[in-house]
Protein backbone atom coordinates (compact mmCIF):
# COMPACT_ATOMS: atom_id res chain seq x y z
CA MET A 1 73.68 90.31 38.45
CA GLU A 2 75.38 93.13 40.32
CA VAL A 3 78.12 91.97 42.72
CA LEU A 4 78.78 93.88 45.94
CA LYS A 5 82.03 93.30 47.84
CA ILE A 6 81.85 93.84 51.61
CA ALA A 7 84.51 93.83 54.34
CA THR A 8 83.67 93.36 57.99
CA ALA A 9 85.73 94.68 60.89
CA GLY A 10 85.34 94.49 64.65
CA SER A 11 87.10 93.63 67.88
CA VAL A 12 87.09 90.26 69.60
CA ASP A 13 83.54 89.15 70.49
CA ASP A 14 81.89 92.09 68.73
CA GLY A 15 79.98 89.51 66.70
CA LYS A 16 81.32 89.73 63.13
CA SER A 17 81.09 86.03 62.43
CA THR A 18 77.67 85.86 64.11
CA LEU A 19 76.38 88.74 61.97
CA ILE A 20 77.58 87.08 58.77
CA GLY A 21 76.19 83.71 59.83
CA ARG A 22 72.83 85.34 60.63
CA LEU A 23 72.81 87.03 57.19
CA LEU A 24 73.45 83.67 55.53
CA TYR A 25 70.87 81.88 57.68
CA ASP A 26 68.08 84.43 57.27
CA THR A 27 68.63 84.70 53.49
CA LYS A 28 68.52 80.87 53.29
CA SER A 29 72.05 80.77 51.92
CA LEU A 30 73.32 77.99 54.19
CA THR A 31 73.21 74.36 53.08
CA THR A 32 71.24 71.84 55.12
CA ASP A 33 74.38 70.06 56.33
CA LYS A 34 75.91 73.38 57.44
CA ILE A 35 72.79 74.25 59.44
CA GLU A 36 72.84 70.77 61.03
CA ALA A 37 76.52 71.23 61.94
CA ILE A 38 75.77 74.60 63.54
CA GLU A 39 72.86 73.13 65.52
CA LYS A 40 74.97 70.16 66.66
CA SER A 41 77.95 72.33 67.65
CA SER A 42 75.73 74.79 69.54
CA LYS A 43 74.09 71.94 71.46
CA GLN A 44 77.46 70.37 72.34
CA LYS A 45 78.68 73.71 73.71
CA GLY A 46 75.53 74.04 75.81
CA TYR A 47 74.31 77.19 74.05
CA ASP A 48 70.61 78.03 74.05
CA TYR A 49 71.12 79.80 70.71
CA LEU A 50 72.65 78.93 67.34
CA ASP A 51 76.41 79.61 67.14
CA PHE A 52 76.57 81.18 63.69
CA SER A 53 80.34 81.82 63.92
CA LEU A 54 80.78 78.23 62.71
CA ALA A 55 79.48 79.40 59.32
CA THR A 56 82.56 81.58 58.80
CA ASP A 57 85.41 80.63 61.14
CA GLY A 58 87.06 77.96 59.01
CA LEU A 59 90.37 77.46 60.81
CA VAL A 60 90.47 75.12 63.80
CA ALA A 61 92.34 77.79 65.81
CA GLU A 62 89.58 80.27 65.04
CA ARG A 63 86.87 77.97 66.30
CA GLU A 64 88.85 77.01 69.41
CA GLN A 65 89.72 80.57 70.39
CA GLY A 66 86.53 82.23 69.15
CA ILE A 67 88.48 84.78 67.10
CA THR A 68 89.02 85.55 63.43
CA ILE A 69 92.64 85.13 62.30
CA ASP A 70 92.66 84.83 58.53
CA VAL A 71 90.55 86.59 55.91
CA ALA A 72 87.61 84.38 54.95
CA HIS A 73 85.56 85.06 51.85
CA ILE A 74 81.88 84.19 52.03
CA TYR A 75 79.53 84.19 49.06
CA PHE A 76 75.75 84.52 49.02
CA SER A 77 73.01 85.89 46.79
CA THR A 78 69.55 87.40 47.00
CA ALA A 79 67.08 88.03 44.21
CA LYS A 80 68.65 91.48 43.70
CA LYS A 81 72.40 91.02 44.19
CA SER A 82 75.33 88.70 44.69
CA TYR A 83 77.58 89.39 47.66
CA ILE A 84 81.18 88.60 48.55
CA ILE A 85 82.02 89.21 52.21
CA ALA A 86 85.63 89.43 53.39
CA ASP A 87 85.50 88.57 57.09
CA THR A 88 88.65 90.30 58.35
CA PRO A 89 90.32 89.99 61.76
CA GLY A 90 90.18 92.93 64.15
CA HIS A 91 93.33 92.41 66.23
CA VAL A 92 96.16 94.92 65.83
CA GLU A 93 98.55 92.05 65.01
CA TYR A 94 96.38 91.22 62.00
CA THR A 95 96.25 94.75 60.56
CA ARG A 96 97.80 93.46 57.33
CA ASN A 97 94.95 90.92 56.97
CA MET A 98 92.36 93.64 57.41
CA VAL A 99 94.05 95.82 54.77
CA THR A 100 94.08 92.84 52.41
CA GLY A 101 90.37 92.12 52.92
CA ALA A 102 89.24 95.74 52.70
CA SER A 103 91.41 96.64 49.69
CA THR A 104 88.97 95.17 47.16
CA SER A 105 85.75 96.00 49.03
CA GLN A 106 83.22 98.68 48.15
CA VAL A 107 81.36 98.54 51.47
CA SER A 108 82.63 98.09 55.01
CA ILE A 109 80.67 96.98 58.07
CA ILE A 110 82.33 98.11 61.30
CA LEU A 111 80.90 96.35 64.33
CA ILE A 112 80.76 97.95 67.76
CA ASP A 113 79.77 96.15 70.96
CA ALA A 114 76.96 98.25 72.47
CA ARG A 115 78.35 97.54 75.95
CA LYS A 116 81.84 98.87 75.11
CA GLY A 117 81.12 101.65 72.62
CA VAL A 118 83.82 103.26 70.48
CA ILE A 119 87.21 101.84 71.50
CA GLU A 120 90.80 102.04 70.22
CA GLN A 121 90.29 99.29 67.65
CA THR A 122 87.27 101.16 66.26
CA TYR A 123 89.64 104.02 65.45
CA ARG A 124 91.98 101.60 63.67
CA HIS A 125 89.20 99.99 61.64
CA PHE A 126 87.83 103.36 60.56
CA PHE A 127 91.34 104.65 59.76
CA ILE A 128 92.00 101.73 57.42
CA ASN A 129 88.69 102.30 55.66
CA ASN A 130 89.67 105.95 55.21
CA LEU A 131 93.12 104.97 53.95
CA LEU A 132 91.61 102.56 51.42
CA ARG A 133 88.86 105.06 50.49
CA VAL A 134 85.99 102.64 51.08
CA LYS A 135 83.08 104.82 50.06
CA GLU A 136 80.24 103.20 52.04
CA VAL A 137 80.61 102.40 55.75
CA ILE A 138 77.92 100.79 57.91
CA VAL A 139 78.46 101.20 61.65
CA ALA A 140 76.66 98.17 63.10
CA ILE A 141 76.06 98.71 66.81
CA ASN A 142 75.65 95.11 67.88
CA LYS A 143 74.49 93.31 71.05
CA MET A 144 71.69 95.80 71.70
CA ASP A 145 69.93 92.95 73.51
CA LEU A 146 72.61 93.19 76.24
CA VAL A 147 71.86 96.88 76.91
CA ASP A 148 68.08 96.42 77.01
CA TYR A 149 67.74 97.81 73.47
CA SER A 150 68.48 101.28 74.85
CA GLU A 151 68.03 104.17 72.43
CA GLU A 152 70.16 106.30 74.75
CA VAL A 153 73.12 103.88 74.42
CA TYR A 154 72.72 103.84 70.64
CA ASN A 155 72.66 107.66 70.45
CA LYS A 156 75.76 107.93 72.65
CA ILE A 157 77.76 105.53 70.47
CA LYS A 158 76.53 107.24 67.31
CA ALA A 159 77.63 110.64 68.65
CA ASP A 160 81.07 109.25 69.61
CA PHE A 161 81.54 107.77 66.15
CA GLN A 162 80.43 111.01 64.50
CA ALA A 163 83.19 112.77 66.48
CA LEU A 164 85.63 110.21 65.08
CA ASN A 165 84.24 110.69 61.57
CA ALA A 166 85.00 114.42 61.87
CA LYS A 167 88.73 113.51 61.85
CA SER A 168 88.42 111.84 58.43
CA THR A 169 89.84 113.53 55.34
CA PHE A 170 87.68 111.39 53.03
CA LYS A 171 84.60 113.60 52.96
CA GLU A 172 82.90 111.64 50.14
CA GLN A 173 82.50 108.67 52.47
CA ASN A 174 78.93 107.85 53.51
CA VAL A 175 78.52 106.55 57.07
CA SER A 176 75.27 104.87 58.21
CA TYR A 177 74.33 103.65 61.70
CA ILE A 178 72.26 100.53 62.43
CA PRO A 179 71.47 99.15 65.94
CA LEU A 180 71.13 95.37 65.88
CA SER A 181 71.21 92.08 67.70
CA ALA A 182 73.00 89.63 65.42
CA ILE A 183 72.41 86.68 67.70
CA ASN A 184 68.62 87.24 67.66
CA GLY A 185 68.48 88.55 64.10
CA GLY A 186 67.13 92.00 65.00
CA ASN A 187 67.71 94.54 62.20
CA VAL A 188 69.97 92.14 60.27
CA VAL A 189 67.51 90.92 57.64
CA ASP A 190 64.22 91.63 59.42
CA GLN A 191 63.20 94.68 61.44
CA SER A 192 63.57 94.29 65.20
CA LYS A 193 60.36 94.50 67.24
CA ASP A 194 62.49 95.30 70.30
CA MET A 195 63.72 98.63 68.90
CA PRO A 196 60.59 100.47 67.69
CA TRP A 197 62.46 103.76 68.14
CA TYR A 198 64.72 102.85 65.18
CA THR A 199 62.92 103.47 61.89
CA GLY A 200 65.84 103.07 59.49
CA GLN A 201 66.83 100.16 57.26
CA THR A 202 68.10 96.74 58.30
CA VAL A 203 71.62 95.71 57.25
CA LEU A 204 70.34 93.71 54.26
CA GLU A 205 67.91 96.44 53.20
CA HIS A 206 70.75 98.94 53.20
CA LEU A 207 72.98 96.64 51.13
CA GLU A 208 70.17 95.84 48.70
CA GLY A 209 69.53 99.55 48.17
CA LEU A 210 73.12 100.38 47.19
CA HIS A 211 73.93 100.91 43.52
CA SER A 212 77.20 100.93 41.61
CA SER A 213 77.14 104.72 41.48
CA ASP A 214 77.00 104.77 45.31
CA VAL A 215 80.12 102.70 45.91
CA PHE A 216 82.35 103.10 42.85
CA GLU A 217 84.63 106.10 42.48
CA ALA A 218 84.83 107.41 38.92
CA GLY A 219 88.30 108.24 37.65
CA LYS A 220 90.15 108.31 34.37
CA ALA A 221 90.03 105.24 32.13
CA ARG A 222 92.96 102.89 32.69
CA PHE A 223 93.43 99.62 30.79
CA PRO A 224 96.44 97.52 31.92
CA VAL A 225 97.16 94.91 29.24
CA GLN A 226 97.15 91.39 30.64
CA THR A 227 97.85 89.53 27.42
CA VAL A 228 97.96 89.89 23.63
CA ILE A 229 95.38 87.80 21.76
CA ARG A 230 96.71 86.28 18.50
CA PRO A 231 94.56 83.25 17.53
CA LYS A 232 96.25 82.73 14.12
CA THR A 233 93.33 80.63 12.94
CA GLU A 234 91.89 80.71 9.43
CA GLU A 235 88.94 82.77 10.63
CA TYR A 236 91.01 85.20 12.71
CA HIS A 237 94.29 85.05 10.82
CA ASP A 238 95.25 88.73 11.27
CA PHE A 239 93.47 89.35 14.57
CA ARG A 240 95.45 91.24 17.20
CA GLY A 241 93.62 92.14 20.40
CA TYR A 242 94.66 93.31 23.84
CA ALA A 243 92.90 91.70 26.81
CA GLY A 244 92.55 93.08 30.32
CA LYS A 245 90.23 94.71 32.82
CA LEU A 246 89.09 98.31 32.42
CA TYR A 247 89.33 100.57 35.48
CA GLY A 248 88.29 104.11 36.33
CA ASN A 249 85.85 104.98 33.57
CA SER A 250 84.37 103.89 30.27
CA ILE A 251 86.06 103.67 26.89
CA LYS A 252 84.43 103.85 23.46
CA VAL A 253 85.09 102.82 19.88
CA GLY A 254 86.75 105.79 18.18
CA ASP A 255 88.47 107.07 21.32
CA ALA A 256 91.99 108.36 20.73
CA VAL A 257 94.31 106.36 22.99
CA THR A 258 97.96 106.30 23.98
CA VAL A 259 99.95 103.17 24.82
CA LEU A 260 102.33 103.50 27.77
CA PRO A 261 105.26 103.53 28.20
CA SER A 262 105.98 103.89 24.45
CA LEU A 263 103.59 106.90 24.10
CA THR A 264 102.42 105.44 20.77
CA GLU A 265 99.02 106.77 19.71
CA SER A 266 96.10 105.02 18.03
CA LYS A 267 92.30 104.73 18.15
CA VAL A 268 89.98 102.04 19.51
CA SER A 269 88.49 100.20 16.53
CA LYS A 270 86.59 97.38 18.28
CA ILE A 271 85.67 96.29 21.81
CA HIS A 272 85.05 92.56 22.36
CA PHE A 273 83.31 90.89 25.29
CA PHE A 274 83.25 87.12 24.82
CA ASP A 275 81.76 86.57 21.38
CA LYS A 276 80.09 89.98 21.08
CA THR A 277 81.29 93.45 20.15
CA PHE A 278 80.22 96.70 21.80
CA ASP A 279 80.57 100.40 21.09
CA GLU A 280 81.41 101.14 24.72
CA ALA A 281 82.81 99.32 27.75
CA VAL A 282 82.23 100.50 31.32
CA ALA A 283 84.67 100.39 34.24
CA GLY A 284 85.03 96.92 35.70
CA SER A 285 84.59 95.16 32.35
CA SER A 286 87.01 92.41 31.32
CA ILE A 287 87.36 93.04 27.59
CA THR A 288 89.57 92.72 24.53
CA ILE A 289 90.40 95.90 22.63
CA GLU A 290 91.43 96.19 18.96
CA LEU A 291 93.33 99.26 17.77
CA GLU A 292 93.19 100.87 14.32
CA ASN A 293 96.86 100.32 13.50
CA ASP A 294 99.34 97.57 14.37
CA ILE A 295 101.63 98.92 17.06
CA ASN A 296 103.86 97.25 19.61
CA VAL A 297 101.74 96.47 22.70
CA THR A 298 102.68 93.85 25.27
CA ARG A 299 101.72 92.60 28.74
CA GLY A 300 102.48 95.26 31.35
CA ASP A 301 101.69 98.15 28.99
CA MET A 302 98.73 100.41 29.70
CA ILE A 303 96.22 101.87 27.27
CA VAL A 304 94.75 105.25 28.28
CA LYS A 305 92.82 108.02 26.57
CA THR A 306 95.22 110.44 24.91
CA SER A 307 93.57 113.37 26.70
CA GLU A 308 93.96 111.67 30.12
CA LEU A 309 97.61 110.73 30.52
CA PRO A 310 98.70 109.60 34.00
CA LYS A 311 101.88 110.67 35.76
CA ILE A 312 105.04 109.02 34.42
CA GLU A 313 107.84 109.15 37.01
CA LYS A 314 110.70 107.12 38.53
CA ASP A 315 110.37 108.51 42.08
CA ILE A 316 107.19 108.02 44.09
CA THR A 317 106.03 108.98 47.57
CA THR A 318 103.78 106.32 49.06
CA THR A 319 101.91 105.10 52.11
CA VAL A 320 102.92 101.50 52.83
CA CYS A 321 101.32 98.88 55.08
CA TRP A 322 104.12 96.45 55.93
CA MET A 323 103.25 92.73 55.94
CA ASP A 324 106.58 90.95 56.36
CA SER A 325 108.28 89.78 59.55
CA LYS A 326 111.52 91.16 58.08
CA LYS A 327 111.50 94.91 58.72
CA LEU A 328 111.44 97.43 55.90
CA VAL A 329 114.58 99.60 55.91
CA ALA A 330 116.02 102.15 53.51
CA GLY A 331 118.32 100.83 50.79
CA THR A 332 116.59 97.48 50.32
CA LYS A 333 115.40 96.42 46.88
CA TYR A 334 111.98 95.05 46.01
CA ILE A 335 109.87 94.42 42.95
CA VAL A 336 106.98 96.84 42.59
CA GLN A 337 103.95 95.07 41.07
CA HIS A 338 101.69 97.82 39.69
CA ASN A 339 98.71 96.38 37.82
CA THR A 340 100.31 93.98 35.29
CA ASN A 341 103.62 95.85 35.29
CA ARG A 342 106.67 94.78 37.35
CA VAL A 343 109.51 97.21 38.10
CA LEU A 344 112.64 96.74 40.20
CA ALA A 345 112.77 99.39 42.93
CA LYS A 346 114.84 100.59 45.88
CA VAL A 347 113.48 102.02 49.13
CA GLU A 348 114.98 105.52 49.32
CA SER A 349 113.72 106.56 52.75
CA ILE A 350 111.17 105.87 55.47
CA LYS A 351 109.91 109.20 56.75
CA ASN A 352 107.53 108.18 59.52
CA THR A 353 104.97 105.77 60.86
CA ILE A 354 101.31 106.78 60.80
CA SER A 355 99.25 106.19 63.94
CA THR A 356 95.97 104.45 63.17
CA ASP A 357 94.23 106.24 66.05
CA TYR A 358 94.43 109.60 64.25
CA SER A 359 97.04 110.91 66.68
CA GLY A 360 99.42 111.81 63.86
CA THR A 361 102.85 110.58 62.71
CA LYS A 362 106.08 109.54 64.41
CA GLU A 363 109.57 109.82 62.96
CA ALA A 364 110.88 106.40 61.99
CA SER A 365 113.73 104.74 60.09
CA GLN A 366 112.02 101.37 59.57
CA LEU A 367 108.63 99.68 59.36
CA ALA A 368 107.79 96.54 61.34
CA ILE A 369 105.05 94.07 60.47
CA ASN A 370 101.55 95.64 60.55
CA GLU A 371 102.94 99.18 60.71
CA ILE A 372 101.86 101.85 58.24
CA GLY A 373 104.23 104.61 57.17
CA GLU A 374 105.28 107.12 54.54
CA VAL A 375 107.94 105.66 52.22
CA THR A 376 109.76 107.10 49.21
CA ILE A 377 110.71 104.65 46.46
CA LYS A 378 113.05 104.96 43.46
CA LEU A 379 112.17 102.86 40.41
CA SER A 380 114.49 101.36 37.81
CA LYS A 381 112.19 102.61 35.05
CA PRO A 382 109.25 105.04 34.96
CA LEU A 383 105.86 103.98 36.35
CA TYR A 384 102.64 105.31 34.80
CA PHE A 385 100.34 105.96 37.74
CA ASP A 386 97.74 108.15 39.39
CA ALA A 387 97.57 109.19 43.02
CA TYR A 388 95.53 106.60 44.94
CA ASN A 389 93.04 109.29 45.96
CA ASP A 390 92.36 110.03 42.28
CA ASN A 391 92.29 106.47 40.93
CA LYS A 392 92.39 103.54 43.36
CA SER A 393 93.24 100.87 40.81
CA ASN A 394 96.10 102.84 39.25
CA GLY A 395 97.47 104.18 42.53
CA ALA A 396 97.97 100.91 44.43
CA PHE A 397 100.83 98.42 44.25
CA ILE A 398 102.46 95.58 46.15
CA LEU A 399 106.10 95.12 47.13
CA ILE A 400 107.56 91.67 46.38
CA ASP A 401 110.67 90.37 48.14
CA THR A 402 113.24 89.58 45.43
CA ALA A 403 114.75 86.71 47.45
CA THR A 404 111.63 84.92 48.70
CA ASN A 405 109.03 86.13 46.16
CA THR A 406 106.61 86.83 49.03
CA THR A 407 104.28 89.83 49.14
CA ALA A 408 106.06 92.01 51.70
CA GLY A 409 103.88 95.11 51.64
CA VAL A 410 101.05 96.96 49.99
CA GLY A 411 101.39 100.60 48.98
CA PHE A 412 99.28 103.57 47.96
CA ILE A 413 100.85 106.31 45.84
CA ARG A 414 100.36 109.83 47.12
């Protein structure tokens, strides 16, 4: 079954957790004990409605404060698809959490409170989705019940967001607008009877109608080797396979390939998926590849088509979202984790910080936690990469602190 990964974003009290809870409730994805807990909690709080935020806000602090702090992953399925929702926080101090949640998502739902319209945080949420090149964005204009289901309010917010969208450099992005009332369920799973002027799809209908071709960006085939398979059993005595996940595009038996960084050439002789062999593997497949001749391939190497070599350089210009309380300054050393490859690196310079409200850049010599900036990095050995805009999987990396082994930042190669 096709799996769709979704990230949600919104300011405090915009109703992210309520929207997700309503989706789970109306698709009958909540267990009986969870529904009973929601009903009990809602009654104790004196609500005359079900508090669906309990379905997603797992931390005690989240439930007490009514905000989302950490990224929560929620799973549910319909007859057509399986879904993974990353419920990300909207506060500026949790920008790093939002980047983390949205980095693996193909669809983003940006919530807007119909009473407040497009605000500063809306700019930030949309900026991050542009930065991460999330191809499908749903602008969910929530709490329409609190503005008397006004079509005029909806049109005003839609026009304001379209003006914001005009600032985007990611023109392949598809933006859709849905007015809804998450608390009442209007236009979430079922059509709202209170908004007859809206004739578009509900949130679930829109998600159900998306296909892989709508949300995946095609690029060049990239196969980072995770491990070498050598069973050494009687049946597979001479077997040598290379296991990993294929990104970017498909690969076929007979394709001429090059192994990086050695630049050794060979051809794909077999493609294994569990106990079966195939003539072709598509992007996103976790497979094992056999090559025609025995060459030296190890974890951290990358197999690519010979006609589609990536860039191989020791100096890279990047956009970095900083996640550590210790500031990023020039001259510090980190480990760059790029796919399965690890390279020691030094921060050469920090050129600027990038404003998430589309107001431009500011000169800077350091990056503080949750700041995004342009950073140049020098590597101890060449990296084989693509620009993030050309190939998301082969253009992203993380920075690991050599002393603490913590993930200090996430970067996107320009």
